C-alpha atoms as a PDB file:
ATOM      1  CA  UNK A   1      -6.462  42.944  21.979  1.00  0.00           C
ATOM      2  CA  UNK A   2      -7.121  39.913  19.720  1.00  0.00           C
ATOM      3  CA  UNK A   3      -5.153  36.815  19.140  1.00  0.00           C
ATOM      4  CA  UNK A   4      -2.516  36.380  15.670  1.00  0.00           C
ATOM      5  CA  UNK A   5      -5.756  34.776  14.563  1.00  0.00           C
ATOM      6  CA  UNK A   6      -9.308  35.130  15.774  1.00  0.00           C
ATOM      7  CA  UNK A   7     -12.164  33.144  15.447  1.00  0.00           C
ATOM      8  CA  UNK A   8     -15.591  34.074  17.164  1.00  0.00           C
ATOM      9  CA  UNK A   9     -19.651  33.097  15.960  1.00  0.00           C
ATOM     10  CA  UNK A  10     -18.051  31.208  13.586  1.00  0.00           C
ATOM     11  CA  UNK A  11     -20.304  29.208  11.374  1.00  0.00           C
ATOM     12  CA  UNK A  12     -19.854  28.751   8.130  1.00  0.00           C
ATOM     13  CA  UNK A  13     -21.917  26.581   5.065  1.00  0.00           C
ATOM     14  CA  UNK A  14     -21.341  24.635   1.957  1.00  0.00           C
ATOM     15  CA  UNK A  15     -24.630  25.917  -0.194  1.00  0.00           C
ATOM     16  CA  UNK A  16     -25.319  22.420  -2.983  1.00  0.00           C
ATOM     17  CA  UNK A  17     -26.876  24.959  -6.505  1.00  0.00           C
ATOM     18  CA  UNK A  18     -26.844  21.905  -8.117  1.00  0.00           C
ATOM     19  CA  UNK A  19     -30.693  20.981  -6.159  1.00  0.00           C
ATOM     20  CA  UNK A  20     -33.408  22.069  -6.380  1.00  0.00           C
ATOM     21  CA  UNK A  21     -34.623  24.096  -3.842  1.00  0.00           C
ATOM     22  CA  UNK A  22     -30.339  24.389  -3.315  1.00  0.00           C
ATOM     23  CA  UNK A  23     -28.891  22.061  -0.387  1.00  0.00           C
ATOM     24  CA  UNK A  24     -27.866  24.288   2.868  1.00  0.00           C
ATOM     25  CA  UNK A  25     -24.514  21.755   4.279  1.00  0.00           C
ATOM     26  CA  UNK A  26     -23.728  23.625   8.038  1.00  0.00           C
ATOM     27  CA  UNK A  27     -20.128  23.032   8.451  1.00  0.00           C
ATOM     28  CA  UNK A  28     -19.024  25.323  11.103  1.00  0.00           C
ATOM     29  CA  UNK A  29     -21.500  25.901  13.959  1.00  0.00           C
ATOM     30  CA  UNK A  30     -20.276  29.320  16.039  1.00  0.00           C
ATOM     31  CA  UNK A  31     -16.710  28.557  16.488  1.00  0.00           C
ATOM     32  CA  UNK A  32     -14.862  30.902  19.206  1.00  0.00           C
ATOM     33  CA  UNK A  33     -10.864  30.155  18.804  1.00  0.00           C
ATOM     34  CA  UNK A  34      -7.645  31.820  18.995  1.00  0.00           C
ATOM     35  CA  UNK A  35      -4.492  31.237  18.295  1.00  0.00           C
ATOM     36  CA  UNK A  36      -1.448  33.018  19.269  1.00  0.00           C
ATOM     37  CA  UNK A  37       1.112  34.479  17.635  1.00  0.00           C
ATOM     38  CA  UNK A  38       4.279  31.258  17.536  1.00  0.00           C
ATOM     39  CA  UNK A  39       2.080  28.573  19.114  1.00  0.00           C
ATOM     40  CA  UNK A  40       1.911  25.058  17.115  1.00  0.00           C
ATOM     41  CA  UNK A  41      -1.768  23.953  17.684  1.00  0.00           C
ATOM     42  CA  UNK A  42      -2.423  20.361  16.150  1.00  0.00           C
ATOM     43  CA  UNK A  43      -6.557  20.397  14.922  1.00  0.00           C
ATOM     44  CA  UNK A  44      -8.021  17.009  15.187  1.00  0.00           C
ATOM     45  CA  UNK A  45     -11.560  15.610  13.517  1.00  0.00           C
ATOM     46  CA  UNK A  46     -12.744  13.023  11.766  1.00  0.00           C
ATOM     47  CA  UNK A  47     -13.433  13.500   7.705  1.00  0.00           C
ATOM     48  CA  UNK A  48     -16.167  16.063   7.317  1.00  0.00           C
ATOM     49  CA  UNK A  49     -15.918  17.855  10.848  1.00  0.00           C
ATOM     50  CA  UNK A  50     -14.564  20.710   9.158  1.00  0.00           C
ATOM     51  CA  UNK A  51     -11.197  20.796  10.257  1.00  0.00           C
ATOM     52  CA  UNK A  52     -10.118  22.498   6.719  1.00  0.00           C
ATOM     53  CA  UNK A  53     -12.948  24.307   6.409  1.00  0.00           C
ATOM     54  CA  UNK A  54     -11.918  26.246   9.652  1.00  0.00           C
ATOM     55  CA  UNK A  55      -8.540  26.473   7.901  1.00  0.00           C
ATOM     56  CA  UNK A  56      -9.419  28.279   5.032  1.00  0.00           C
ATOM     57  CA  UNK A  57     -11.059  30.618   6.762  1.00  0.00           C
ATOM     58  CA  UNK A  58      -8.588  31.854   8.269  1.00  0.00           C
ATOM     59  CA  UNK A  59      -6.570  32.198   5.088  1.00  0.00           C
ATOM     60  CA  UNK A  60      -9.821  33.888   3.617  1.00  0.00           C
ATOM     61  CA  UNK A  61     -10.175  31.492   1.012  1.00  0.00           C
ATOM     62  CA  UNK A  62     -13.426  31.365   3.233  1.00  0.00           C
ATOM     63  CA  UNK A  63     -15.532  33.371   4.343  1.00  0.00           C
ATOM     64  CA  UNK A  64     -17.635  33.630   7.968  1.00  0.00           C
ATOM     65  CA  UNK A  65     -21.033  32.871   6.746  1.00  0.00           C
ATOM     66  CA  UNK A  66     -21.967  34.932  10.279  1.00  0.00           C
ATOM     67  CA  UNK A  67     -19.200  36.250  13.212  1.00  0.00           C
ATOM     68  CA  UNK A  68     -15.885  37.082  12.488  1.00  0.00           C
ATOM     69  CA  UNK A  69     -12.418  36.120  11.756  1.00  0.00           C
ATOM     70  CA  UNK A  70      -9.539  38.039  12.179  1.00  0.00           C
ATOM     71  CA  UNK A  71      -5.734  37.725  11.264  1.00  0.00           C
ATOM     72  CA  UNK A  72      -3.349  39.441  13.251  1.00  0.00           C
ATOM     73  CA  UNK A  73      -6.120  42.587  13.754  1.00  0.00           C
ATOM     74  CA  UNK A  74      -7.254  42.014   9.920  1.00  0.00           C
ATOM     75  CA  UNK A  75     -11.407  41.474   8.904  1.00  0.00           C
ATOM     76  CA  UNK A  76     -11.161  38.694   6.284  1.00  0.00           C
ATOM     77  CA  UNK A  77     -14.579  40.173   4.846  1.00  0.00           C
ATOM     78  CA  UNK A  78     -12.404  43.621   3.980  1.00  0.00           C
ATOM     79  CA  UNK A  79     -11.369  42.840   0.356  1.00  0.00           C
ATOM     80  CA  UNK A  80      -8.648  45.509   0.647  1.00  0.00           C
ATOM     81  CA  UNK A  81      -6.714  42.953   3.784  1.00  0.00           C
ATOM     82  CA  UNK A  82      -7.224  40.088   0.890  1.00  0.00           C
ATOM     83  CA  UNK A  83      -3.273  40.476  -0.246  1.00  0.00           C
ATOM     84  CA  UNK A  84      -1.656  41.423   3.128  1.00  0.00           C
ATOM     85  CA  UNK A  85      -3.343  37.920   5.210  1.00  0.00           C
ATOM     86  CA  UNK A  86      -2.379  35.889   2.393  1.00  0.00           C
ATOM     87  CA  UNK A  87       1.060  37.463   3.184  1.00  0.00           C
ATOM     88  CA  UNK A  88       1.280  36.343   6.521  1.00  0.00           C
ATOM     89  CA  UNK A  89      -0.329  32.990   6.265  1.00  0.00           C
ATOM     90  CA  UNK A  90       0.965  30.808   4.617  1.00  0.00           C
ATOM     91  CA  UNK A  91      -1.680  27.312   3.391  1.00  0.00           C
ATOM     92  CA  UNK A  92       0.086  23.734   2.185  1.00  0.00           C
ATOM     93  CA  UNK A  93      -2.182  20.933   0.972  1.00  0.00           C
ATOM     94  CA  UNK A  94      -2.431  16.956   1.060  1.00  0.00           C
ATOM     95  CA  UNK A  95      -1.011  16.599  -2.451  1.00  0.00           C
ATOM     96  CA  UNK A  96       2.133  18.800  -3.273  1.00  0.00           C
ATOM     97  CA  UNK A  97       1.765  17.906  -6.784  1.00  0.00           C
ATOM     98  CA  UNK A  98      -1.027  20.580  -6.856  1.00  0.00           C
ATOM     99  CA  UNK A  99       1.432  23.097  -5.410  1.00  0.00           C
ATOM    100  CA  UNK A 100       4.289  22.643  -7.931  1.00  0.00           C
ATOM    101  CA  UNK A 101       3.406  24.168 -10.746  1.00  0.00           C
ATOM    102  CA  UNK A 102       7.123  24.748 -12.230  1.00  0.00           C
ATOM    103  CA  UNK A 103      10.029  21.948 -13.912  1.00  0.00           C
ATOM    104  CA  UNK A 104      12.579  23.106 -11.713  1.00  0.00           C
ATOM    105  CA  UNK A 105      12.822  23.670  -7.976  1.00  0.00           C
ATOM    106  CA  UNK A 106      14.330  26.964  -7.311  1.00  0.00           C
ATOM    107  CA  UNK A 107      11.899  28.690  -9.881  1.00  0.00           C
ATOM    108  CA  UNK A 108       8.918  26.803  -8.595  1.00  0.00           C
ATOM    109  CA  UNK A 109      10.428  28.513  -5.538  1.00  0.00           C
ATOM    110  CA  UNK A 110      10.040  31.446  -6.692  1.00  0.00           C
ATOM    111  CA  UNK A 111       7.251  31.097  -8.545  1.00  0.00           C
ATOM    112  CA  UNK A 112       4.838  33.774  -6.406  1.00  0.00           C
ATOM    113  CA  UNK A 113       7.404  36.183  -6.105  1.00  0.00           C
ATOM    114  CA  UNK A 114       8.008  36.671  -9.486  1.00  0.00           C
ATOM    115  CA  UNK A 115       4.400  37.510  -9.193  1.00  0.00           C
ATOM    116  CA  UNK A 116       4.119  39.782  -6.597  1.00  0.00           C
ATOM    117  CA  UNK A 117       6.558  41.807  -8.342  1.00  0.00           C
ATOM    118  CA  UNK A 118       9.412  41.101  -5.462  1.00  0.00           C
ATOM    119  CA  UNK A 119      12.707  42.374  -6.727  1.00  0.00           C
ATOM    120  CA  UNK A 120      15.015  39.792  -8.647  1.00  0.00           C
ATOM    121  CA  UNK A 121      18.674  39.853  -5.564  1.00  0.00           C
ATOM    122  CA  UNK A 122      15.449  39.922  -2.724  1.00  0.00           C
ATOM    123  CA  UNK A 123      13.888  36.697  -4.713  1.00  0.00           C
ATOM    124  CA  UNK A 124      17.625  34.964  -5.010  1.00  0.00           C
ATOM    125  CA  UNK A 125      17.926  35.679  -1.683  1.00  0.00           C
ATOM    126  CA  UNK A 126      14.302  34.269  -0.068  1.00  0.00           C
ATOM    127  CA  UNK A 127      14.702  31.210  -2.669  1.00  0.00           C
ATOM    128  CA  UNK A 128      17.645  29.921  -1.368  1.00  0.00           C
ATOM    129  CA  UNK A 129      17.232  30.930   2.424  1.00  0.00           C
ATOM    130  CA  UNK A 130      13.822  29.129   1.937  1.00  0.00           C
ATOM    131  CA  UNK A 131      15.998  26.146   0.278  1.00  0.00           C
ATOM    132  CA  UNK A 132      18.131  25.682   2.337  1.00  0.00           C
ATOM    133  CA  UNK A 133      15.747  25.992   5.448  1.00  0.00           C
ATOM    134  CA  UNK A 134      14.097  22.783   4.653  1.00  0.00           C
ATOM    135  CA  UNK A 135      17.189  21.246   3.237  1.00  0.00           C
ATOM    136  CA  UNK A 136      16.411  21.121  -0.447  1.00  0.00           C
ATOM    137  CA  UNK A 137      19.128  23.638  -1.497  1.00  0.00           C
ATOM    138  CA  UNK A 138      21.330  20.230  -3.369  1.00  0.00           C
ATOM    139  CA  UNK A 139      18.278  20.095  -5.696  1.00  0.00           C
ATOM    140  CA  UNK A 140      17.553  23.842  -6.578  1.00  0.00           C
ATOM    141  CA  UNK A 141      18.082  22.437 -10.451  1.00  0.00           C
ATOM    142  CA  UNK A 142      16.427  19.606  -9.908  1.00  0.00           C
ATOM    143  CA  UNK A 143      12.596  18.254 -11.833  1.00  0.00           C
ATOM    144  CA  UNK A 144      10.395  18.129  -8.635  1.00  0.00           C
ATOM    145  CA  UNK A 145       8.974  14.463 -10.549  1.00  0.00           C
ATOM    146  CA  UNK A 146      11.608  13.424  -9.316  1.00  0.00           C
ATOM    147  CA  UNK A 147      11.381  13.830  -6.291  1.00  0.00           C
ATOM    148  CA  UNK A 148       9.928  11.469  -3.220  1.00  0.00           C
ATOM    149  CA  UNK A 149       6.567  13.033  -2.000  1.00  0.00           C
ATOM    150  CA  UNK A 150       8.210  14.138   0.902  1.00  0.00           C
ATOM    151  CA  UNK A 151      10.694  15.446  -1.091  1.00  0.00           C
ATOM    152  CA  UNK A 152       8.249  17.346  -3.289  1.00  0.00           C
ATOM    153  CA  UNK A 153       6.302  18.575   0.066  1.00  0.00           C
ATOM    154  CA  UNK A 154       9.249  19.964   1.686  1.00  0.00           C
ATOM    155  CA  UNK A 155       9.669  22.194  -1.453  1.00  0.00           C
ATOM    156  CA  UNK A 156       6.251  23.528  -1.255  1.00  0.00           C
ATOM    157  CA  UNK A 157       6.936  24.055   2.173  1.00  0.00           C
ATOM    158  CA  UNK A 158       9.778  26.264   0.546  1.00  0.00           C
ATOM    159  CA  UNK A 159       7.331  28.107  -1.764  1.00  0.00           C
ATOM    160  CA  UNK A 160       5.598  28.801   0.912  1.00  0.00           C
ATOM    161  CA  UNK A 161       8.363  29.987   3.632  1.00  0.00           C
ATOM    162  CA  UNK A 162       9.606  32.524   0.544  1.00  0.00           C
ATOM    163  CA  UNK A 163       6.462  34.485   1.106  1.00  0.00           C
ATOM    164  CA  UNK A 164       7.825  34.896   4.287  1.00  0.00           C
ATOM    165  CA  UNK A 165       4.649  34.413   5.950  1.00  0.00           C
ATOM    166  CA  UNK A 166       4.035  35.024   9.719  1.00  0.00           C
ATOM    167  CA  UNK A 167       1.759  31.773  10.367  1.00  0.00           C
ATOM    168  CA  UNK A 168       1.174  28.292   7.807  1.00  0.00           C
ATOM    169  CA  UNK A 169      -0.918  25.719   7.714  1.00  0.00           C
ATOM    170  CA  UNK A 170      -0.893  22.706   6.906  1.00  0.00           C
ATOM    171  CA  UNK A 171      -3.924  20.743   5.804  1.00  0.00           C
ATOM    172  CA  UNK A 172      -3.015  16.688   6.388  1.00  0.00           C
ATOM    173  CA  UNK A 173       1.073  17.645   4.170  1.00  0.00           C
ATOM    174  CA  UNK A 174       1.939  14.078   5.280  1.00  0.00           C
ATOM    175  CA  UNK A 175      -1.413  12.225   4.221  1.00  0.00           C
ATOM    176  CA  UNK A 176      -0.222  11.146   1.021  1.00  0.00           C
ATOM    177  CA  UNK A 177       3.524  10.798   2.345  1.00  0.00           C
ATOM    178  CA  UNK A 178       5.803   7.019   3.801  1.00  0.00           C
ATOM    179  CA  UNK A 179       7.325   7.139   6.796  1.00  0.00           C
ATOM    180  CA  UNK A 180      10.440   8.901   6.035  1.00  0.00           C
ATOM    181  CA  UNK A 181       8.903  11.152   4.093  1.00  0.00           C
ATOM    182  CA  UNK A 182       6.410  12.004   7.024  1.00  0.00           C
ATOM    183  CA  UNK A 183       9.290  12.205   9.547  1.00  0.00           C
ATOM    184  CA  UNK A 184      11.341  14.603   7.309  1.00  0.00           C
ATOM    185  CA  UNK A 185       8.143  17.014   7.500  1.00  0.00           C
ATOM    186  CA  UNK A 186       7.763  16.997  10.474  1.00  0.00           C
ATOM    187  CA  UNK A 187      11.000  17.820  11.445  1.00  0.00           C
ATOM    188  CA  UNK A 188      10.762  20.789   9.008  1.00  0.00           C
ATOM    189  CA  UNK A 189       7.406  21.410  10.273  1.00  0.00           C
ATOM    190  CA  UNK A 190       9.221  21.811  14.420  1.00  0.00           C
ATOM    191  CA  UNK A 191      11.929  23.716  13.321  1.00  0.00           C
ATOM    192  CA  UNK A 192      10.264  26.201  11.773  1.00  0.00           C
ATOM    193  CA  UNK A 193       8.308  26.522  14.510  1.00  0.00           C
ATOM    194  CA  UNK A 194      10.946  26.341  17.360  1.00  0.00           C
ATOM    195  CA  UNK A 195      13.745  27.935  15.729  1.00  0.00           C
ATOM    196  CA  UNK A 196      11.974  30.683  13.035  1.00  0.00           C
ATOM    197  CA  UNK A 197       9.091  31.344  15.260  1.00  0.00           C
ATOM    198  CA  UNK A 198       6.107  30.591  12.341  1.00  0.00           C
ATOM    199  CA  UNK A 199       3.165  29.917  13.725  1.00  0.00           C
ATOM    200  CA  UNK A 200       1.761  26.141  12.987  1.00  0.00           C
ATOM    201  CA  UNK A 201      -1.782  25.114  12.729  1.00  0.00           C
ATOM    202  CA  UNK A 202      -1.647  21.197  11.380  1.00  0.00           C
ATOM    203  CA  UNK A 203      -4.495  19.282  10.449  1.00  0.00           C
ATOM    204  CA  UNK A 204      -3.586  15.835  10.477  1.00  0.00           C
ATOM    205  CA  UNK A 205      -4.776  12.351  11.470  1.00  0.00           C
ATOM    206  CA  UNK A 206      -1.502  11.041  12.584  1.00  0.00           C
ATOM    207  CA  UNK A 207      -1.728  11.013  16.461  1.00  0.00           C
ATOM    208  CA  UNK A 208       2.001  10.687  16.935  1.00  0.00           C
ATOM    209  CA  UNK A 209       2.229  14.056  14.339  1.00  0.00           C
ATOM    210  CA  UNK A 210      -0.529  15.302  16.697  1.00  0.00           C
ATOM    211  CA  UNK A 211       1.490  14.510  20.058  1.00  0.00           C
ATOM    212  CA  UNK A 212       4.078  16.651  19.025  1.00  0.00           C
ATOM    213  CA  UNK A 213       2.039  20.322  18.577  1.00  0.00           C
ATOM    214  CA  UNK A 214       1.597  22.432  21.769  1.00  0.00           C
ATOM    215  CA  UNK A 215      -2.000  22.343  21.913  1.00  0.00           C
ATOM    216  CA  UNK A 216      -4.366  20.104  19.960  1.00  0.00           C
ATOM    217  CA  UNK A 217      -7.725  21.267  19.423  1.00  0.00           C
ATOM    218  CA  UNK A 218     -10.669  18.965  18.373  1.00  0.00           C
ATOM    219  CA  UNK A 219     -13.489  19.647  15.703  1.00  0.00           C
ATOM    220  CA  UNK A 220     -16.553  17.217  15.785  1.00  0.00           C
ATOM    221  CA  UNK A 221     -19.588  18.143  13.641  1.00  0.00           C
ATOM    222  CA  UNK A 222     -18.136  21.566  13.277  1.00  0.00           C
ATOM    223  CA  UNK A 223     -18.014  22.501  16.988  1.00  0.00           C
ATOM    224  CA  UNK A 224     -15.018  22.421  18.942  1.00  0.00           C
ATOM    225  CA  UNK A 225     -14.831  19.714  21.771  1.00  0.00           C
ATOM    226  CA  UNK A 226     -11.780  19.954  22.837  1.00  0.00           C
ATOM    227  CA  UNK A 227      -9.277  22.201  23.186  1.00  0.00           C
ATOM    228  CA  UNK A 228      -6.069  21.741  25.603  1.00  0.00           C
ATOM    229  CA  UNK A 229      -2.279  20.684  25.717  1.00  0.00           C
ATOM    230  CA  UNK A 230      -1.727  16.371  23.773  1.00  0.00           C
ATOM    231  CA  UNK A 231      -1.353  15.232  27.080  1.00  0.00           C
ATOM    232  CA  UNK A 232      -4.974  16.420  28.822  1.00  0.00           C
ATOM    233  CA  UNK A 233      -6.699  16.217  25.669  1.00  0.00           C
ATOM    234  CA  UNK A 234      -5.008  12.141  24.206  1.00  0.00           C
ATOM    235  CA  UNK A 235      -5.629  11.022  27.787  1.00  0.00           C
ATOM    236  CA  UNK A 236     -10.038  11.182  27.541  1.00  0.00           C
ATOM    237  CA  UNK A 237      -8.871   8.155  25.654  1.00  0.00           C
ATOM    238  CA  UNK A 238     -12.954   7.210  25.355  1.00  0.00           C
ATOM    239  CA  UNK A 239     -14.159  10.619  24.664  1.00  0.00           C
ATOM    240  CA  UNK A 240     -11.627  10.523  21.856  1.00  0.00           C
ATOM    241  CA  UNK A 241     -12.938   6.875  20.346  1.00  0.00           C
ATOM    242  CA  UNK A 242     -16.545   8.018  20.818  1.00  0.00           C
ATOM    243  CA  UNK A 243     -16.012  10.946  18.596  1.00  0.00           C
ATOM    244  CA  UNK A 244     -14.421   7.949  15.993  1.00  0.00           C
ATOM    245  CA  UNK A 245     -10.397   9.322  16.487  1.00  0.00           C
ATOM    246  CA  UNK A 246      -7.298   7.782  18.190  1.00  0.00           C
ATOM    247  CA  UNK A 247      -4.977   8.543  20.206  1.00  0.00           C
ATOM    248  CA  UNK A 248      -1.037   7.423  20.007  1.00  0.00           C
ATOM    249  CA  UNK A 249      -0.266   4.085  19.813  1.00  0.00           C
ATOM    250  CA  UNK A 250       1.643   4.445  23.787  1.00  0.00           C
ATOM    251  CA  UNK A 251      -1.606   6.463  25.101  1.00  0.00           C
ATOM    252  CA  UNK A 252      -3.870   3.272  24.004  1.00  0.00           C
ATOM    253  CA  UNK A 253      -1.434   0.801  25.607  1.00  0.00           C
ATOM    254  CA  UNK A 254      -1.140   2.474  28.766  1.00  0.00           C
ATOM    255  CA  UNK A 255      -5.252   2.772  28.772  1.00  0.00           C
ATOM    256  CA  UNK A 256      -5.540  -0.721  28.052  1.00  0.00           C
ATOM    257  CA  UNK A 257      -3.331  -1.664  30.764  1.00  0.00           C
ATOM    258  CA  UNK A 258      -5.495   1.168  34.088  1.00  0.00           C
ATOM    259  CA  UNK A 259      -8.510  -0.726  32.919  1.00  0.00           C
ATOM    260  CA  UNK A 260      -6.914  -4.716  33.396  1.00  0.00           C
ATOM    261  CA  UNK A 261      -6.355  -2.863  37.197  1.00  0.00           C
ATOM    262  CA  UNK A 262      -2.340  -1.632  36.297  1.00  0.00           C
ATOM    263  CA  UNK A 263      -1.319   1.554  38.235  1.00  0.00           C
ATOM    264  CA  UNK A 264      -0.084   3.669  35.522  1.00  0.00           C
ATOM    265  CA  UNK A 265       0.362   6.764  34.295  1.00  0.00           C
ATOM    266  CA  UNK A 266      -2.590   9.188  32.050  1.00  0.00           C
ATOM    267  CA  UNK A 267      -0.776  11.596  30.877  1.00  0.00           C
ATOM    268  CA  UNK A 268       1.293   9.498  28.513  1.00  0.00           C
ATOM    269  CA  UNK A 269       1.844  10.086  25.071  1.00  0.00           C
ATOM    270  CA  UNK A 270       5.587   9.273  23.644  1.00  0.00           C
ATOM    271  CA  UNK A 271       7.265   5.953  23.807  1.00  0.00           C
ATOM    272  CA  UNK A 272       9.915   7.178  26.593  1.00  0.00           C
ATOM    273  CA  UNK A 273       7.402   7.329  28.486  1.00  0.00           C
ATOM    274  CA  UNK A 274       5.423   4.551  28.266  1.00  0.00           C
ATOM    275  CA  UNK A 275       9.199   2.630  28.575  1.00  0.00           C
ATOM    276  CA  UNK A 276       9.537   4.608  31.537  1.00  0.00           C
ATOM    277  CA  UNK A 277       6.487   3.682  32.994  1.00  0.00           C
ATOM    278  CA  UNK A 278       6.344   0.328  32.174  1.00  0.00           C
ATOM    279  CA  UNK A 279       9.721  -0.101  33.443  1.00  0.00           C
ATOM    280  CA  UNK A 280       8.925   1.174  37.754  1.00  0.00           C
ATOM    281  CA  UNK A 281       5.739  -1.174  37.190  1.00  0.00           C
ATOM    282  CA  UNK A 282       8.396  -4.310  35.981  1.00  0.00           C
ATOM    283  CA  UNK A 283      11.203  -3.729  38.256  1.00  0.00           C
ATOM    284  CA  UNK A 284      10.279  -3.155  41.583  1.00  0.00           C
END
């Protein structure tokens, strides 16, 4: 039985029809990737690496040029599967303003449900529950444009949660937020995964966010180059730097100290681990 999200030999290209002859830009190259139900997976890669394109393949926004993508066993290329797939896999984008369509918070969260013809009582239940989940229930009658960036993103997430998906794809959801807003959104994401069992696929440029995932997949030039736990991936500091990517600051600090000959562990990704390792080194 295949994984919840399954890609096998996935290839995808964008075609630029404005050129004569049209130019084909190959973005994903023979991707094999399985993500199990309930996992929290972070996807890393520099701009243009193909990570956002891959996420859209799991939401059936993009269809394979070749290869196969399935969601809970449903082939994304079968048109009859499109609505069931979109109900199972929700997507949150970088700019919450692009997803907020109503002038009142609770109306925005209800928007997709109303379009699907969900019964009014059920809409009320789902909207209230989704807003409570992201701790935005007290703002249900507010105008979205008066909210902070982090609050807007949590409203966008609530709109997806109200659809009751099994999986949420988040494409750099904290990129436009300040540190407090990023913390709010990450708290929500982790809660959805650990308390509600929602499968999370997080695309991010923030290494400290990726370090909180169960697993990290690194994509470079349309190919998967690393796929392991955060500790295993970030311990390969030189490889990450050669790929044009960072590692958490504490990991970089420990790596620099190791280059100077200090005997320190290689798999440190949190501040607490760093403090403990330095204390052992400095205090006899």
